[in-house]
Amino acid sequence: MRKHLIMVTAFFIAAFVISIAYPALAAENNAQTTISILFDSGVNSTLEARQAKAQTQVAEWMEYDLVRVFARYAKAGYQAKYIEKRQDFTPQTNNYLLTVKITEYKAGSKAARMMVGYGAGGVTLKIHYELFANGKNMILTKDDSTYSGREWINAARKLNQNIAKAVTEKLGNK
C-alpha cells in the first residue's frame, strides 16, 4: 500500500513539473510572428467627395477586419496589429510590415443589386499589397481584385482573406 502511495505521489509531482515547464519551452521554440498592418485608403484629389467618403469607409473597415482575419492564424504563430504611420513599425526578427492600398473602388448600384440581382450593380474592389521583412526587404508584392454582386463588405472580406492566405504561404506557416 505504501509503495502504491509513493508511486501515485511521484506521478502527480512529475505531471505538475511537466505542466509548468512545457509552456515555457513551447514559448521559447515558437516565437510569435508580428505583422504590422499599414493601410492606405487610396483617396486622392481626383475622387468626388461622395466617392472619397465611401472609399475611406471601406478602408477603415478593411484595416480592422484584416487584424481579425489574421487572428484566425494564431495557431500558426501570428499576431497582427494595425499601425497608423510607417514610423510606428519596429524592425525586429519575426516582425513584418504589410502595406495595403486600395487602388480602385466602385460601389456599384444598390438598387440594381436589389431589383435585378444576378450580379447586376455589383461592387468592384482592387488593392495592392506588399510584405516587408524588417521593414525594408520586400518579400511579397501583389495586386488583387474582386467583384461582388452583394455588399462591399463581402468584397472587402474576400480580399482580406486572400491577403492572409498569401502572407501565410509566403512565410511558410500553412
C-alpha atoms as a PDB file:
ATOM      1  CA  MET A   1       0.000   0.000   0.000  1.00  0.00           C
ATOM      2  CA  ARG A   2       2.813   2.353   0.927  1.00  0.00           C
ATOM      3  CA  LYS A   3       4.665   1.608  -2.340  1.00  0.00           C
ATOM      4  CA  HIS A   4       1.471   2.390  -4.301  1.00  0.00           C
ATOM      5  CA  LEU A   5       1.077   5.738  -2.470  1.00  0.00           C
ATOM      6  CA  ILE A   6       4.682   6.696  -3.257  1.00  0.00           C
ATOM      7  CA  MET A   7       4.201   5.887  -6.970  1.00  0.00           C
ATOM      8  CA  VAL A   8       0.989   7.926  -7.199  1.00  0.00           C
ATOM      9  CA  THR A   9       2.636  10.867  -5.435  1.00  0.00           C
ATOM     10  CA  ALA A  10       5.653  10.680  -7.759  1.00  0.00           C
ATOM     11  CA  PHE A  11       3.333  10.612 -10.779  1.00  0.00           C
ATOM     12  CA  PHE A  12       1.498  13.759  -9.655  1.00  0.00           C
ATOM     13  CA  ILE A  13       4.730  15.605  -8.883  1.00  0.00           C
ATOM     14  CA  ALA A  14       6.128  14.693 -12.329  1.00  0.00           C
ATOM     15  CA  ALA A  15       2.893  15.784 -14.024  1.00  0.00           C
ATOM     16  CA  PHE A  16       2.966  19.085 -12.127  1.00  0.00           C
ATOM     17  CA  VAL A  17       6.591  19.806 -13.070  1.00  0.00           C
ATOM     18  CA  ILE A  18       5.964  18.976 -16.747  1.00  0.00           C
ATOM     19  CA  SER A  19       2.840  21.160 -16.886  1.00  0.00           C
ATOM     20  CA  ILE A  20       4.845  24.122 -15.612  1.00  0.00           C
ATOM     21  CA  ALA A  21       7.963  23.528 -17.709  1.00  0.00           C
ATOM     22  CA  TYR A  22       6.334  22.658 -21.059  1.00  0.00           C
ATOM     23  CA  PRO A  23       4.592  26.002 -21.760  1.00  0.00           C
ATOM     24  CA  ALA A  24       7.863  27.790 -21.078  1.00  0.00           C
ATOM     25  CA  LEU A  25       9.670  25.536 -23.579  1.00  0.00           C
ATOM     26  CA  ALA A  26       6.906  25.986 -26.166  1.00  0.00           C
ATOM     27  CA  ALA A  27       7.136  29.760 -25.885  1.00  0.00           C
ATOM     28  CA  GLU A  28      10.893  29.624 -26.499  1.00  0.00           C
ATOM     29  CA  ASN A  29      10.586  27.354 -29.549  1.00  0.00           C
ATOM     30  CA  ASN A  30       7.604  29.113 -31.219  1.00  0.00           C
ATOM     31  CA  ALA A  31       8.452  32.799 -31.434  1.00  0.00           C
ATOM     32  CA  GLN A  32       5.417  34.934 -32.180  1.00  0.00           C
ATOM     33  CA  THR A  33       5.374  36.448 -35.681  1.00  0.00           C
ATOM     34  CA  THR A  34       4.081  40.013 -35.644  1.00  0.00           C
ATOM     35  CA  ILE A  35       2.523  41.501 -38.752  1.00  0.00           C
ATOM     36  CA  SER A  36       2.123  45.272 -38.564  1.00  0.00           C
ATOM     37  CA  ILE A  37      -0.574  46.434 -40.976  1.00  0.00           C
ATOM     38  CA  LEU A  38      -0.356  49.864 -42.593  1.00  0.00           C
ATOM     39  CA  PHE A  39      -3.456  50.671 -44.639  1.00  0.00           C
ATOM     40  CA  ASP A  40      -3.811  53.384 -47.304  1.00  0.00           C
ATOM     41  CA  SER A  41      -7.352  54.282 -48.383  1.00  0.00           C
ATOM     42  CA  GLY A  42      -6.121  55.461 -51.777  1.00  0.00           C
ATOM     43  CA  VAL A  43      -8.213  58.626 -51.515  1.00  0.00           C
ATOM     44  CA  ASN A  44      -6.810  61.445 -53.621  1.00  0.00           C
ATOM     45  CA  SER A  45      -7.921  64.756 -55.113  1.00  0.00           C
ATOM     46  CA  THR A  46      -9.291  63.150 -58.297  1.00  0.00           C
ATOM     47  CA  LEU A  47     -12.154  61.486 -56.403  1.00  0.00           C
ATOM     48  CA  GLU A  48     -15.514  63.145 -55.831  1.00  0.00           C
ATOM     49  CA  ALA A  49     -16.414  63.833 -52.203  1.00  0.00           C
ATOM     50  CA  ARG A  50     -19.007  61.036 -52.129  1.00  0.00           C
ATOM     51  CA  GLN A  51     -16.565  58.536 -53.627  1.00  0.00           C
ATOM     52  CA  ALA A  52     -13.787  59.613 -51.239  1.00  0.00           C
ATOM     53  CA  LYS A  53     -16.088  59.175 -48.240  1.00  0.00           C
ATOM     54  CA  ALA A  54     -17.188  55.706 -49.383  1.00  0.00           C
ATOM     55  CA  GLN A  55     -13.613  54.598 -50.095  1.00  0.00           C
ATOM     56  CA  THR A  56     -12.469  55.851 -46.681  1.00  0.00           C
ATOM     57  CA  GLN A  57     -15.281  53.859 -45.053  1.00  0.00           C
ATOM     58  CA  VAL A  58     -14.210  50.699 -46.898  1.00  0.00           C
ATOM     59  CA  ALA A  59     -10.555  51.229 -45.921  1.00  0.00           C
ATOM     60  CA  GLU A  60     -11.384  51.750 -42.241  1.00  0.00           C
ATOM     61  CA  TRP A  61     -13.462  48.576 -42.150  1.00  0.00           C
ATOM     62  CA  MET A  62     -10.833  46.551 -44.039  1.00  0.00           C
ATOM     63  CA  GLU A  63      -7.926  47.566 -41.801  1.00  0.00           C
ATOM     64  CA  TYR A  64      -9.633  46.396 -38.625  1.00  0.00           C
ATOM     65  CA  ASP A  65     -11.109  43.315 -40.295  1.00  0.00           C
ATOM     66  CA  LEU A  66      -7.664  42.290 -41.565  1.00  0.00           C
ATOM     67  CA  VAL A  67      -6.419  42.176 -37.970  1.00  0.00           C
ATOM     68  CA  ARG A  68      -9.388  39.921 -37.116  1.00  0.00           C
ATOM     69  CA  VAL A  69      -8.694  37.681 -40.126  1.00  0.00           C
ATOM     70  CA  PHE A  70      -5.070  37.238 -39.041  1.00  0.00           C
ATOM     71  CA  ALA A  71      -6.284  36.362 -35.530  1.00  0.00           C
ATOM     72  CA  ARG A  72      -7.581  33.128 -37.054  1.00  0.00           C
ATOM     73  CA  TYR A  73      -3.962  32.257 -37.798  1.00  0.00           C
ATOM     74  CA  ALA A  74      -2.954  32.455 -34.115  1.00  0.00           C
ATOM     75  CA  LYS A  75      -2.140  28.719 -34.096  1.00  0.00           C
ATOM     76  CA  ALA A  76       0.394  29.402 -36.849  1.00  0.00           C
ATOM     77  CA  GLY A  77       2.040  31.943 -34.529  1.00  0.00           C
ATOM     78  CA  TYR A  78       0.665  35.217 -35.925  1.00  0.00           C
ATOM     79  CA  GLN A  79      -0.148  38.370 -34.082  1.00  0.00           C
ATOM     80  CA  ALA A  80      -1.414  41.196 -36.273  1.00  0.00           C
ATOM     81  CA  LYS A  81      -1.689  44.810 -35.260  1.00  0.00           C
ATOM     82  CA  TYR A  82      -2.733  47.973 -37.018  1.00  0.00           C
ATOM     83  CA  ILE A  83      -0.317  50.911 -37.236  1.00  0.00           C
ATOM     84  CA  GLU A  84      -1.126  54.431 -38.416  1.00  0.00           C
ATOM     85  CA  LYS A  85       2.296  55.509 -39.737  1.00  0.00           C
ATOM     86  CA  ARG A  86       5.298  53.703 -41.155  1.00  0.00           C
ATOM     87  CA  GLN A  87       7.391  55.180 -38.337  1.00  0.00           C
ATOM     88  CA  ASP A  88       5.287  53.140 -35.867  1.00  0.00           C
ATOM     89  CA  PHE A  89       6.859  49.947 -37.248  1.00  0.00           C
ATOM     90  CA  THR A  90       9.753  48.492 -35.240  1.00  0.00           C
ATOM     91  CA  PRO A  91      12.072  46.296 -37.334  1.00  0.00           C
ATOM     92  CA  GLN A  92      12.882  43.099 -35.422  1.00  0.00           C
ATOM     93  CA  THR A  93      13.235  39.385 -36.020  1.00  0.00           C
ATOM     94  CA  ASN A  94       9.814  37.838 -36.780  1.00  0.00           C
ATOM     95  CA  ASN A  95       8.326  41.301 -37.282  1.00  0.00           C
ATOM     96  CA  TYR A  96       6.868  42.037 -40.725  1.00  0.00           C
ATOM     97  CA  LEU A  97       5.321  45.139 -42.261  1.00  0.00           C
ATOM     98  CA  LEU A  98       2.281  44.664 -44.501  1.00  0.00           C
ATOM     99  CA  THR A  99       1.217  47.700 -46.529  1.00  0.00           C
ATOM    100  CA  VAL A 100      -2.169  47.628 -48.253  1.00  0.00           C
ATOM    101  CA  LYS A 101      -3.554  50.262 -50.619  1.00  0.00           C
ATOM    102  CA  ILE A 102      -6.969  50.465 -52.262  1.00  0.00           C
ATOM    103  CA  THR A 103      -6.277  51.236 -55.923  1.00  0.00           C
ATOM    104  CA  GLU A 104      -9.883  51.226 -57.142  1.00  0.00           C
ATOM    105  CA  TYR A 105     -13.318  51.081 -55.561  1.00  0.00           C
ATOM    106  CA  LYS A 106     -16.592  51.145 -57.466  1.00  0.00           C
ATOM    107  CA  ALA A 107     -19.634  50.899 -55.232  1.00  0.00           C
ATOM    108  CA  GLY A 108     -21.976  49.772 -57.991  1.00  0.00           C
ATOM    109  CA  SER A 109     -25.715  50.268 -57.679  1.00  0.00           C
ATOM    110  CA  LYS A 110     -27.526  49.061 -54.605  1.00  0.00           C
ATOM    111  CA  ALA A 111     -30.859  49.472 -56.420  1.00  0.00           C
ATOM    112  CA  ALA A 112     -29.700  47.247 -59.276  1.00  0.00           C
ATOM    113  CA  ARG A 113     -28.463  44.636 -56.799  1.00  0.00           C
ATOM    114  CA  MET A 114     -31.832  44.638 -55.043  1.00  0.00           C
ATOM    115  CA  MET A 115     -34.140  44.851 -58.063  1.00  0.00           C
ATOM    116  CA  VAL A 116     -32.316  42.880 -60.763  1.00  0.00           C
ATOM    117  CA  GLY A 117     -29.947  40.627 -58.844  1.00  0.00           C
ATOM    118  CA  TYR A 118     -27.805  38.110 -60.741  1.00  0.00           C
ATOM    119  CA  GLY A 119     -24.693  40.235 -60.124  1.00  0.00           C
ATOM    120  CA  ALA A 120     -26.122  43.450 -61.571  1.00  0.00           C
ATOM    121  CA  GLY A 121     -24.856  46.603 -59.862  1.00  0.00           C
ATOM    122  CA  GLY A 122     -22.002  44.735 -58.192  1.00  0.00           C
ATOM    123  CA  VAL A 123     -19.081  46.136 -56.224  1.00  0.00           C
ATOM    124  CA  THR A 124     -15.552  46.212 -57.664  1.00  0.00           C
ATOM    125  CA  LEU A 125     -12.611  46.485 -55.304  1.00  0.00           C
ATOM    126  CA  LYS A 126      -8.922  46.434 -56.265  1.00  0.00           C
ATOM    127  CA  ILE A 127      -5.936  46.549 -53.927  1.00  0.00           C
ATOM    128  CA  HIS A 128      -2.149  46.390 -53.985  1.00  0.00           C
ATOM    129  CA  TYR A 129      -0.198  44.989 -51.045  1.00  0.00           C
ATOM    130  CA  GLU A 130       3.426  44.447 -50.109  1.00  0.00           C
ATOM    131  CA  LEU A 131       5.057  42.482 -47.299  1.00  0.00           C
ATOM    132  CA  PHE A 132       8.396  43.622 -45.917  1.00  0.00           C
ATOM    133  CA  ALA A 133      10.813  41.750 -43.654  1.00  0.00           C
ATOM    134  CA  ASN A 134      12.481  44.131 -41.188  1.00  0.00           C
ATOM    135  CA  GLY A 135      10.595  46.992 -42.828  1.00  0.00           C
ATOM    136  CA  LYS A 136      12.950  47.234 -45.819  1.00  0.00           C
ATOM    137  CA  ASN A 137      13.273  43.924 -47.675  1.00  0.00           C
ATOM    138  CA  MET A 138      10.191  43.360 -49.828  1.00  0.00           C
ATOM    139  CA  ILE A 139       9.381  39.662 -49.866  1.00  0.00           C
ATOM    140  CA  LEU A 140       5.899  39.776 -51.400  1.00  0.00           C
ATOM    141  CA  THR A 141       4.065  42.154 -53.696  1.00  0.00           C
ATOM    142  CA  LYS A 142       0.706  41.524 -55.259  1.00  0.00           C
ATOM    143  CA  ASP A 143      -2.291  43.141 -56.924  1.00  0.00           C
ATOM    144  CA  ASP A 144      -5.669  41.593 -56.184  1.00  0.00           C
ATOM    145  CA  SER A 145      -9.255  42.391 -57.073  1.00  0.00           C
ATOM    146  CA  THR A 146     -12.724  41.057 -56.608  1.00  0.00           C
ATOM    147  CA  TYR A 147     -16.252  41.646 -57.838  1.00  0.00           C
ATOM    148  CA  SER A 148     -19.266  41.009 -55.652  1.00  0.00           C
ATOM    149  CA  GLY A 149     -22.927  41.071 -56.552  1.00  0.00           C
ATOM    150  CA  ARG A 150     -23.607  41.630 -52.866  1.00  0.00           C
ATOM    151  CA  GLU A 151     -22.457  44.395 -50.499  1.00  0.00           C
ATOM    152  CA  TRP A 152     -18.965  45.904 -50.337  1.00  0.00           C
ATOM    153  CA  ILE A 153     -18.263  44.073 -47.061  1.00  0.00           C
ATOM    154  CA  ASN A 154     -18.257  40.759 -48.932  1.00  0.00           C
ATOM    155  CA  ALA A 155     -15.685  42.055 -51.417  1.00  0.00           C
ATOM    156  CA  ALA A 156     -13.525  43.544 -48.660  1.00  0.00           C
ATOM    157  CA  ARG A 157     -13.625  40.356 -46.576  1.00  0.00           C
ATOM    158  CA  LYS A 158     -12.666  38.227 -49.602  1.00  0.00           C
ATOM    159  CA  LEU A 159      -9.610  40.390 -50.291  1.00  0.00           C
ATOM    160  CA  ASN A 160      -8.575  40.304 -46.630  1.00  0.00           C
ATOM    161  CA  GLN A 161      -8.776  36.520 -46.661  1.00  0.00           C
ATOM    162  CA  ASN A 162      -6.679  36.450 -49.852  1.00  0.00           C
ATOM    163  CA  ILE A 163      -4.051  38.666 -48.198  1.00  0.00           C
ATOM    164  CA  ALA A 164      -3.854  36.457 -45.103  1.00  0.00           C
ATOM    165  CA  LYS A 165      -3.563  33.327 -47.212  1.00  0.00           C
ATOM    166  CA  ALA A 166      -0.798  34.780 -49.433  1.00  0.00           C
ATOM    167  CA  VAL A 167       1.187  36.045 -46.432  1.00  0.00           C
ATOM    168  CA  THR A 168       0.799  32.706 -44.649  1.00  0.00           C
ATOM    169  CA  GLU A 169       2.028  30.809 -47.696  1.00  0.00           C
ATOM    170  CA  LYS A 170       4.951  33.179 -48.167  1.00  0.00           C
ATOM    171  CA  LEU A 171       6.072  32.870 -44.562  1.00  0.00           C
ATOM    172  CA  GLY A 172       5.681  29.098 -44.672  1.00  0.00           C
ATOM    173  CA  ASN A 173       3.100  28.822 -41.897  1.00  0.00           C
ATOM    174  CA  LYS A 174       0.261  26.867 -43.509  1.00  0.00           C
END
